[in-house]
Amino acid sequence: MKNGIHPNYRDVCFVDLSNGFKFVTRSCAPTRETITMDDGRQLPLFKLETTSESHPFYTGQQKSVDTLGGRVEKFRNKFAHLTIKK
């Protein structure tokens, strides 16, 4: 590999700000802060607004489109008078 052309690929700790969930993975994400992990490692810290631990889609709290009042039926009723007449 050539020196100086590759990004800094290293272990990074990602923290969900909404619930404090932490996970470590390898990344090139730029960081300015560091965090000391439970095992004593000092890792770069990247803060996230939401992760799979807090997003409604992954936690099962998202509402299904089918249960939001029959949008298709409302559309059909609203535009029923505009059907093409043969």
PDB file of N, CA and C in Angstrom:
ATOM      1  N   MET A   1       0.834  -1.186   0.000  1.00  0.00           N
ATOM      2  CA  MET A   1       0.000   0.000   0.000  1.00  0.00           C
ATOM      3  C   MET A   1       0.875   1.244   0.000  1.00  0.00           C
ATOM      4  N   LYS A   2       0.388   2.276  -0.673  1.00  0.00           N
ATOM      5  CA  LYS A   2       1.096   3.549  -0.671  1.00  0.00           C
ATOM      6  C   LYS A   2       0.839   4.274   0.645  1.00  0.00           C
ATOM      7  N   ASN A   3       1.851   4.945   1.126  1.00  0.00           N
ATOM      8  CA  ASN A   3       1.700   5.717   2.361  1.00  0.00           C
ATOM      9  C   ASN A   3       1.040   7.051   2.077  1.00  0.00           C
ATOM     10  N   GLY A   4       0.183   7.513   3.018  1.00  0.00           N
ATOM     11  CA  GLY A   4      -0.381   8.851   2.953  1.00  0.00           C
ATOM     12  C   GLY A   4      -1.624   9.021   2.090  1.00  0.00           C
ATOM     13  N   ILE A   5      -2.131   7.949   1.472  1.00  0.00           N
ATOM     14  CA  ILE A   5      -3.323   8.113   0.636  1.00  0.00           C
ATOM     15  C   ILE A   5      -4.562   7.448   1.227  1.00  0.00           C
ATOM     16  N   HIS A   6      -4.394   6.680   2.271  1.00  0.00           N
ATOM     17  CA  HIS A   6      -5.514   5.951   2.858  1.00  0.00           C
ATOM     18  C   HIS A   6      -6.046   6.681   4.091  1.00  0.00           C
ATOM     19  N   PRO A   7      -7.361   6.621   4.321  1.00  0.00           N
ATOM     20  CA  PRO A   7      -7.928   7.279   5.506  1.00  0.00           C
ATOM     21  C   PRO A   7      -7.524   6.560   6.785  1.00  0.00           C
ATOM     22  N   ASN A   8      -7.703   7.245   7.899  1.00  0.00           N
ATOM     23  CA  ASN A   8      -7.358   6.699   9.208  1.00  0.00           C
ATOM     24  C   ASN A   8      -8.464   5.738   9.641  1.00  0.00           C
ATOM     25  N   TYR A   9      -8.294   4.448   9.352  1.00  0.00           N
ATOM     26  CA  TYR A   9      -9.290   3.418   9.648  1.00  0.00           C
ATOM     27  C   TYR A   9      -8.938   2.782  10.987  1.00  0.00           C
ATOM     28  N   ARG A  10      -9.802   2.999  11.998  1.00  0.00           N
ATOM     29  CA  ARG A  10      -9.483   2.535  13.352  1.00  0.00           C
ATOM     30  C   ARG A  10     -10.767   2.243  14.107  1.00  0.00           C
ATOM     31  N   ASP A  11     -10.632   1.667  15.311  1.00  0.00           N
ATOM     32  CA  ASP A  11     -11.785   1.428  16.173  1.00  0.00           C
ATOM     33  C   ASP A  11     -12.336   2.770  16.642  1.00  0.00           C
ATOM     34  N   VAL A  12     -13.671   2.926  16.562  1.00  0.00           N
ATOM     35  CA  VAL A  12     -14.340   4.151  16.994  1.00  0.00           C
ATOM     36  C   VAL A  12     -15.542   3.754  17.848  1.00  0.00           C
ATOM     37  N   CYS A  13     -15.773   4.473  18.936  1.00  0.00           N
ATOM     38  CA  CYS A  13     -16.938   4.254  19.778  1.00  0.00           C
ATOM     39  C   CYS A  13     -18.046   5.211  19.343  1.00  0.00           C
ATOM     40  N   PHE A  14     -19.192   4.660  18.971  1.00  0.00           N
ATOM     41  CA  PHE A  14     -20.359   5.450  18.601  1.00  0.00           C
ATOM     42  C   PHE A  14     -21.318   5.455  19.782  1.00  0.00           C
ATOM     43  N   VAL A  15     -21.859   6.636  20.127  1.00  0.00           N
ATOM     44  CA  VAL A  15     -22.765   6.774  21.269  1.00  0.00           C
ATOM     45  C   VAL A  15     -24.071   7.391  20.793  1.00  0.00           C
ATOM     46  N   ASP A  16     -25.182   6.737  21.144  1.00  0.00           N
ATOM     47  CA  ASP A  16     -26.522   7.256  20.860  1.00  0.00           C
ATOM     48  C   ASP A  16     -26.855   8.268  21.943  1.00  0.00           C
ATOM     49  N   LEU A  17     -27.049   9.531  21.562  1.00  0.00           N
ATOM     50  CA  LEU A  17     -27.299  10.589  22.548  1.00  0.00           C
ATOM     51  C   LEU A  17     -28.677  10.490  23.194  1.00  0.00           C
ATOM     52  N   SER A  18     -29.631   9.802  22.558  1.00  0.00           N
ATOM     53  CA  SER A  18     -30.976   9.731  23.118  1.00  0.00           C
ATOM     54  C   SER A  18     -31.094   8.718  24.255  1.00  0.00           C
ATOM     55  N   ASN A  19     -30.253   7.673  24.240  1.00  0.00           N
ATOM     56  CA  ASN A  19     -30.383   6.674  25.305  1.00  0.00           C
ATOM     57  C   ASN A  19     -29.045   6.198  25.880  1.00  0.00           C
ATOM     58  N   GLY A  20     -27.923   6.714  25.375  1.00  0.00           N
ATOM     59  CA  GLY A  20     -26.628   6.347  25.933  1.00  0.00           C
ATOM     60  C   GLY A  20     -26.061   5.033  25.427  1.00  0.00           C
ATOM     61  N   PHE A  21     -26.695   4.385  24.460  1.00  0.00           N
ATOM     62  CA  PHE A  21     -26.215   3.124  23.905  1.00  0.00           C
ATOM     63  C   PHE A  21     -24.875   3.342  23.208  1.00  0.00           C
ATOM     64  N   LYS A  22     -23.893   2.472  23.510  1.00  0.00           N
ATOM     65  CA  LYS A  22     -22.562   2.572  22.914  1.00  0.00           C
ATOM     66  C   LYS A  22     -22.253   1.305  22.134  1.00  0.00           C
ATOM     67  N   PHE A  23     -21.555   1.469  21.014  1.00  0.00           N
ATOM     68  CA  PHE A  23     -21.017   0.320  20.314  1.00  0.00           C
ATOM     69  C   PHE A  23     -19.707   0.723  19.646  1.00  0.00           C
ATOM     70  N   VAL A  24     -18.833  -0.251  19.496  1.00  0.00           N
ATOM     71  CA  VAL A  24     -17.519  -0.018  18.912  1.00  0.00           C
ATOM     72  C   VAL A  24     -17.447  -0.753  17.586  1.00  0.00           C
ATOM     73  N   THR A  25     -16.994  -0.044  16.566  1.00  0.00           N
ATOM     74  CA  THR A  25     -16.775  -0.640  15.257  1.00  0.00           C
ATOM     75  C   THR A  25     -15.615   0.094  14.603  1.00  0.00           C
ATOM     76  N   ARG A  26     -15.136  -0.443  13.503  1.00  0.00           N
ATOM     77  CA  ARG A  26     -14.053   0.210  12.789  1.00  0.00           C
ATOM     78  C   ARG A  26     -14.642   1.220  11.822  1.00  0.00           C
ATOM     79  N   SER A  27     -14.015   2.406  11.761  1.00  0.00           N
ATOM     80  CA  SER A  27     -14.549   3.479  10.937  1.00  0.00           C
ATOM     81  C   SER A  27     -13.469   4.487  10.577  1.00  0.00           C
ATOM     82  N   CYS A  28     -13.773   5.282   9.547  1.00  0.00           N
ATOM     83  CA  CYS A  28     -12.916   6.408   9.152  1.00  0.00           C
ATOM     84  C   CYS A  28     -13.535   7.731   9.583  1.00  0.00           C
ATOM     85  N   ALA A  29     -14.604   7.692  10.369  1.00  0.00           N
ATOM     86  CA  ALA A  29     -15.331   8.891  10.772  1.00  0.00           C
ATOM     87  C   ALA A  29     -14.406   9.853  11.525  1.00  0.00           C
ATOM     88  N   PRO A  30     -14.436  11.132  11.139  1.00  0.00           N
ATOM     89  CA  PRO A  30     -13.585  12.103  11.836  1.00  0.00           C
ATOM     90  C   PRO A  30     -14.143  12.419  13.226  1.00  0.00           C
ATOM     91  N   THR A  31     -13.273  12.464  14.217  1.00  0.00           N
ATOM     92  CA  THR A  31     -13.696  12.735  15.585  1.00  0.00           C
ATOM     93  C   THR A  31     -12.737  13.715  16.244  1.00  0.00           C
ATOM     94  N   ARG A  32     -13.247  14.418  17.245  1.00  0.00           N
ATOM     95  CA  ARG A  32     -12.410  15.331  18.026  1.00  0.00           C
ATOM     96  C   ARG A  32     -12.329  14.902  19.487  1.00  0.00           C
ATOM     97  N   GLU A  33     -13.314  14.113  19.920  1.00  0.00           N
ATOM     98  CA  GLU A  33     -13.371  13.702  21.324  1.00  0.00           C
ATOM     99  C   GLU A  33     -12.938  12.253  21.465  1.00  0.00           C
ATOM    100  N   THR A  34     -12.582  11.873  22.682  1.00  0.00           N
ATOM    101  CA  THR A  34     -12.239  10.492  22.991  1.00  0.00           C
ATOM    102  C   THR A  34     -13.036  10.047  24.207  1.00  0.00           C
ATOM    103  N   ILE A  35     -13.112   8.746  24.377  1.00  0.00           N
ATOM    104  CA  ILE A  35     -13.810   8.161  25.516  1.00  0.00           C
ATOM    105  C   ILE A  35     -12.982   6.991  26.037  1.00  0.00           C
ATOM    106  N   THR A  36     -13.006   6.792  27.342  1.00  0.00           N
ATOM    107  CA  THR A  36     -12.330   5.651  27.952  1.00  0.00           C
ATOM    108  C   THR A  36     -13.363   4.547  28.154  1.00  0.00           C
ATOM    109  N   MET A  37     -13.127   3.417  27.542  1.00  0.00           N
ATOM    110  CA  MET A  37     -14.049   2.292  27.626  1.00  0.00           C
ATOM    111  C   MET A  37     -13.871   1.564  28.963  1.00  0.00           C
ATOM    112  N   ASP A  38     -14.778   0.618  29.248  1.00  0.00           N
ATOM    113  CA  ASP A  38     -14.728  -0.134  30.503  1.00  0.00           C
ATOM    114  C   ASP A  38     -13.459  -0.969  30.625  1.00  0.00           C
ATOM    115  N   ASP A  39     -12.915  -1.405  29.493  1.00  0.00           N
ATOM    116  CA  ASP A  39     -11.700  -2.224  29.525  1.00  0.00           C
ATOM    117  C   ASP A  39     -10.423  -1.383  29.536  1.00  0.00           C
ATOM    118  N   GLY A  40     -10.557  -0.032  29.616  1.00  0.00           N
ATOM    119  CA  GLY A  40      -9.409   0.848  29.727  1.00  0.00           C
ATOM    120  C   GLY A  40      -8.914   1.420  28.403  1.00  0.00           C
ATOM    121  N   ARG A  41      -9.473   0.975  27.289  1.00  0.00           N
ATOM    122  CA  ARG A  41      -9.043   1.507  25.986  1.00  0.00           C
ATOM    123  C   ARG A  41      -9.525   2.938  25.807  1.00  0.00           C
ATOM    124  N   GLN A  42      -8.697   3.761  25.224  1.00  0.00           N
ATOM    125  CA  GLN A  42      -9.039   5.143  24.887  1.00  0.00           C
ATOM    126  C   GLN A  42      -9.392   5.147  23.400  1.00  0.00           C
ATOM    127  N   LEU A  43     -10.671   5.421  23.067  1.00  0.00           N
ATOM    128  CA  LEU A  43     -11.133   5.372  21.685  1.00  0.00           C
ATOM    129  C   LEU A  43     -11.702   6.714  21.253  1.00  0.00           C
ATOM    130  N   PRO A  44     -11.612   7.011  19.949  1.00  0.00           N
ATOM    131  CA  PRO A  44     -12.288   8.200  19.426  1.00  0.00           C
ATOM    132  C   PRO A  44     -13.797   8.060  19.632  1.00  0.00           C
ATOM    133  N   LEU A  45     -14.478   9.175  19.888  1.00  0.00           N
ATOM    134  CA  LEU A  45     -15.911   9.175  20.179  1.00  0.00           C
ATOM    135  C   LEU A  45     -16.664   9.886  19.066  1.00  0.00           C
ATOM    136  N   PHE A  46     -17.706   9.234  18.553  1.00  0.00           N
ATOM    137  CA  PHE A  46     -18.573   9.818  17.533  1.00  0.00           C
ATOM    138  C   PHE A  46     -19.991   9.783  18.086  1.00  0.00           C
ATOM    139  N   LYS A  47     -20.644  10.955  18.194  1.00  0.00           N
ATOM    140  CA  LYS A  47     -21.980  11.047  18.782  1.00  0.00           C
ATOM    141  C   LYS A  47     -23.041  10.997  17.685  1.00  0.00           C
ATOM    142  N   LEU A  48     -24.093  10.190  17.927  1.00  0.00           N
ATOM    143  CA  LEU A  48     -25.194  10.012  16.983  1.00  0.00           C
ATOM    144  C   LEU A  48     -26.502  10.441  17.626  1.00  0.00           C
ATOM    145  N   GLU A  49     -27.411  10.982  16.839  1.00  0.00           N
ATOM    146  CA  GLU A  49     -28.736  11.355  17.342  1.00  0.00           C
ATOM    147  C   GLU A  49     -29.622  10.135  17.529  1.00  0.00           C
ATOM    148  N   THR A  50     -29.506   9.163  16.631  1.00  0.00           N
ATOM    149  CA  THR A  50     -30.334   7.957  16.724  1.00  0.00           C
ATOM    150  C   THR A  50     -29.572   6.764  16.167  1.00  0.00           C
ATOM    151  N   THR A  51     -29.853   5.593  16.730  1.00  0.00           N
ATOM    152  CA  THR A  51     -29.269   4.339  16.259  1.00  0.00           C
ATOM    153  C   THR A  51     -30.383   3.315  16.185  1.00  0.00           C
ATOM    154  N   SER A  52     -30.024   2.076  15.895  1.00  0.00           N
ATOM    155  CA  SER A  52     -31.035   1.022  15.848  1.00  0.00           C
ATOM    156  C   SER A  52     -31.657   0.772  17.219  1.00  0.00           C
ATOM    157  N   GLU A  53     -31.009   1.209  18.283  1.00  0.00           N
ATOM    158  CA  GLU A  53     -31.546   1.043  19.636  1.00  0.00           C
ATOM    159  C   GLU A  53     -32.625   2.071  19.970  1.00  0.00           C
ATOM    160  N   SER A  54     -32.687   3.190  19.231  1.00  0.00           N
ATOM    161  CA  SER A  54     -33.656   4.225  19.558  1.00  0.00           C
ATOM    162  C   SER A  54     -34.579   4.596  18.399  1.00  0.00           C
ATOM    163  N   HIS A  55     -34.302   4.123  17.186  1.00  0.00           N
ATOM    164  CA  HIS A  55     -35.138   4.473  16.035  1.00  0.00           C
ATOM    165  C   HIS A  55     -36.454   3.697  16.101  1.00  0.00           C
ATOM    166  N   PRO A  56     -37.601   4.375  15.888  1.00  0.00           N
ATOM    167  CA  PRO A  56     -38.905   3.712  15.996  1.00  0.00           C
ATOM    168  C   PRO A  56     -39.070   2.508  15.068  1.00  0.00           C
ATOM    169  N   PHE A  57     -38.459   2.529  13.904  1.00  0.00           N
ATOM    170  CA  PHE A  57     -38.588   1.393  12.983  1.00  0.00           C
ATOM    171  C   PHE A  57     -37.985   0.131  13.582  1.00  0.00           C
ATOM    172  N   TYR A  58     -36.816   0.239  14.203  1.00  0.00           N
ATOM    173  CA  TYR A  58     -36.133  -0.926  14.761  1.00  0.00           C
ATOM    174  C   TYR A  58     -36.640  -1.319  16.132  1.00  0.00           C
ATOM    175  N   THR A  59     -37.236  -0.398  16.875  1.00  0.00           N
ATOM    176  CA  THR A  59     -37.736  -0.726  18.209  1.00  0.00           C
ATOM    177  C   THR A  59     -39.173  -1.222  18.188  1.00  0.00           C
ATOM    178  N   GLY A  60     -39.832  -1.173  17.023  1.00  0.00           N
ATOM    179  CA  GLY A  60     -41.196  -1.660  16.911  1.00  0.00           C
ATOM    180  C   GLY A  60     -42.241  -0.646  17.316  1.00  0.00           C
ATOM    181  N   GLN A  61     -41.883   0.617  17.460  1.00  0.00           N
ATOM    182  CA  GLN A  61     -42.831   1.644  17.871  1.00  0.00           C
ATOM    183  C   GLN A  61     -43.387   2.432  16.692  1.00  0.00           C
ATOM    184  N   GLN A  62     -42.920   2.123  15.471  1.00  0.00           N
ATOM    185  CA  GLN A  62     -43.385   2.844  14.294  1.00  0.00           C
ATOM    186  C   GLN A  62     -44.777   2.353  13.917  1.00  0.00           C
ATOM    187  N   LYS A  63     -45.642   3.267  13.526  1.00  0.00           N
ATOM    188  CA  LYS A  63     -46.994   2.913  13.139  1.00  0.00           C
ATOM    189  C   LYS A  63     -47.005   2.446  11.700  1.00  0.00           C
ATOM    190  N   SER A  64     -47.794   1.453  11.430  1.00  0.00           N
ATOM    191  CA  SER A  64     -47.927   0.933  10.080  1.00  0.00           C
ATOM    192  C   SER A  64     -48.796   1.865   9.255  1.00  0.00           C
ATOM    193  N   VAL A  65     -48.507   1.977   7.972  1.00  0.00           N
ATOM    194  CA  VAL A  65     -49.279   2.844   7.080  1.00  0.00           C
ATOM    195  C   VAL A  65     -50.712   2.314   6.946  1.00  0.00           C
ATOM    196  N   ASP A  66     -50.899   1.013   7.033  1.00  0.00           N
ATOM    197  CA  ASP A  66     -52.222   0.413   6.876  1.00  0.00           C
ATOM    198  C   ASP A  66     -53.170   0.781   8.008  1.00  0.00           C
ATOM    199  N   THR A  67     -52.653   1.149   9.161  1.00  0.00           N
ATOM    200  CA  THR A  67     -53.501   1.430  10.318  1.00  0.00           C
ATOM    201  C   THR A  67     -53.728   2.920  10.534  1.00  0.00           C
ATOM    202  N   LEU A  68     -53.381   3.740   9.568  1.00  0.00           N
ATOM    203  CA  LEU A  68     -53.493   5.177   9.752  1.00  0.00           C
ATOM    204  C   LEU A  68     -54.773   5.754   9.142  1.00  0.00           C
ATOM    205  N   GLY A  69     -55.836   5.018   9.113  1.00  0.00           N
ATOM    206  CA  GLY A  69     -57.118   5.568   8.709  1.00  0.00           C
ATOM    207  C   GLY A  69     -57.529   5.314   7.278  1.00  0.00           C
ATOM    208  N   GLY A  70     -57.013   4.307   6.619  1.00  0.00           N
ATOM    209  CA  GLY A  70     -57.434   3.958   5.274  1.00  0.00           C
ATOM    210  C   GLY A  70     -57.183   5.050   4.250  1.00  0.00           C
ATOM    211  N   ARG A  71     -55.961   5.417   4.056  1.00  0.00           N
ATOM    212  CA  ARG A  71     -55.627   6.504   3.140  1.00  0.00           C
ATOM    213  C   ARG A  71     -56.055   6.214   1.708  1.00  0.00           C
ATOM    214  N   VAL A  72     -55.930   4.970   1.299  1.00  0.00           N
ATOM    215  CA  VAL A  72     -56.318   4.616  -0.073  1.00  0.00           C
ATOM    216  C   VAL A  72     -57.816   4.811  -0.257  1.00  0.00           C
ATOM    217  N   GLU A  73     -58.600   4.400   0.724  1.00  0.00           N
ATOM    218  CA  GLU A  73     -60.054   4.572   0.626  1.00  0.00           C
ATOM    219  C   GLU A  73     -60.443   6.041   0.623  1.00  0.00           C
ATOM    220  N   LYS A  74     -59.788   6.845   1.422  1.00  0.00           N
ATOM    221  CA  LYS A  74     -60.059   8.287   1.433  1.00  0.00           C
ATOM    222  C   LYS A  74     -59.754   8.894   0.065  1.00  0.00           C
ATOM    223  N   PHE A  75     -58.650   8.472  -0.546  1.00  0.00           N
ATOM    224  CA  PHE A  75     -58.281   8.969  -1.872  1.00  0.00           C
ATOM    225  C   PHE A  75     -59.326   8.571  -2.906  1.00  0.00           C
ATOM    226  N   ARG A  76     -59.738   7.310  -2.884  1.00  0.00           N
ATOM    227  CA  ARG A  76     -60.734   6.837  -3.860  1.00  0.00           C
ATOM    228  C   ARG A  76     -62.063   7.572  -3.693  1.00  0.00           C
ATOM    229  N   ASN A  77     -62.476   7.802  -2.473  1.00  0.00           N
ATOM    230  CA  ASN A  77     -63.731   8.517  -2.232  1.00  0.00           C
ATOM    231  C   ASN A  77     -63.642   9.970  -2.684  1.00  0.00           C
ATOM    232  N   LYS A  78     -62.508  10.579  -2.480  1.00  0.00           N
ATOM    233  CA  LYS A  78     -62.334  11.986  -2.828  1.00  0.00           C
ATOM    234  C   LYS A  78     -62.346  12.205  -4.344  1.00  0.00           C
ATOM    235  N   PHE A  79     -61.762  11.280  -5.086  1.00  0.00           N
ATOM    236  CA  PHE A  79     -61.626  11.455  -6.529  1.00  0.00           C
ATOM    237  C   PHE A  79     -62.491  10.487  -7.340  1.00  0.00           C
ATOM    238  N   ALA A  80     -63.504   9.904  -6.729  1.00  0.00           N
ATOM    239  CA  ALA A  80     -64.371   8.956  -7.437  1.00  0.00           C
ATOM    240  C   ALA A  80     -65.123   9.620  -8.581  1.00  0.00           C
ATOM    241  N   HIS A  81     -65.474  10.894  -8.433  1.00  0.00           N
ATOM    242  CA  HIS A  81     -66.239  11.588  -9.465  1.00  0.00           C
ATOM    243  C   HIS A  81     -65.404  11.924 -10.704  1.00  0.00           C
ATOM    244  N   LEU A  82     -64.102  11.741 -10.657  1.00  0.00           N
ATOM    245  CA  LEU A  82     -63.228  12.070 -11.777  1.00  0.00           C
ATOM    246  C   LEU A  82     -62.887  10.852 -12.637  1.00  0.00           C
ATOM    247  N   THR A  83     -63.604   9.779 -12.511  1.00  0.00           N
ATOM    248  CA  THR A  83     -63.311   8.575 -13.287  1.00  0.00           C
ATOM    249  C   THR A  83     -63.570   8.844 -14.768  1.00  0.00           C
ATOM    250  N   ILE A  84     -62.846   8.117 -15.605  1.00  0.00           N
ATOM    251  CA  ILE A  84     -62.978   8.252 -17.053  1.00  0.00           C
ATOM    252  C   ILE A  84     -64.256   7.558 -17.509  1.00  0.00           C
ATOM    253  N   LYS A  85     -65.099   8.282 -18.232  1.00  0.00           N
ATOM    254  CA  LYS A  85     -66.357   7.713 -18.716  1.00  0.00           C
ATOM    255  C   LYS A  85     -66.189   7.329 -20.175  1.00  0.00           C
ATOM    256  N   LYS A  86     -66.642   6.126 -20.512  1.00  0.00           N
ATOM    257  CA  LYS A  86     -66.489   5.623 -21.882  1.00  0.00           C
ATOM    258  C   LYS A  86     -67.721   5.852 -22.690  1.00  0.00           C
TER     259      LYS A  86
END
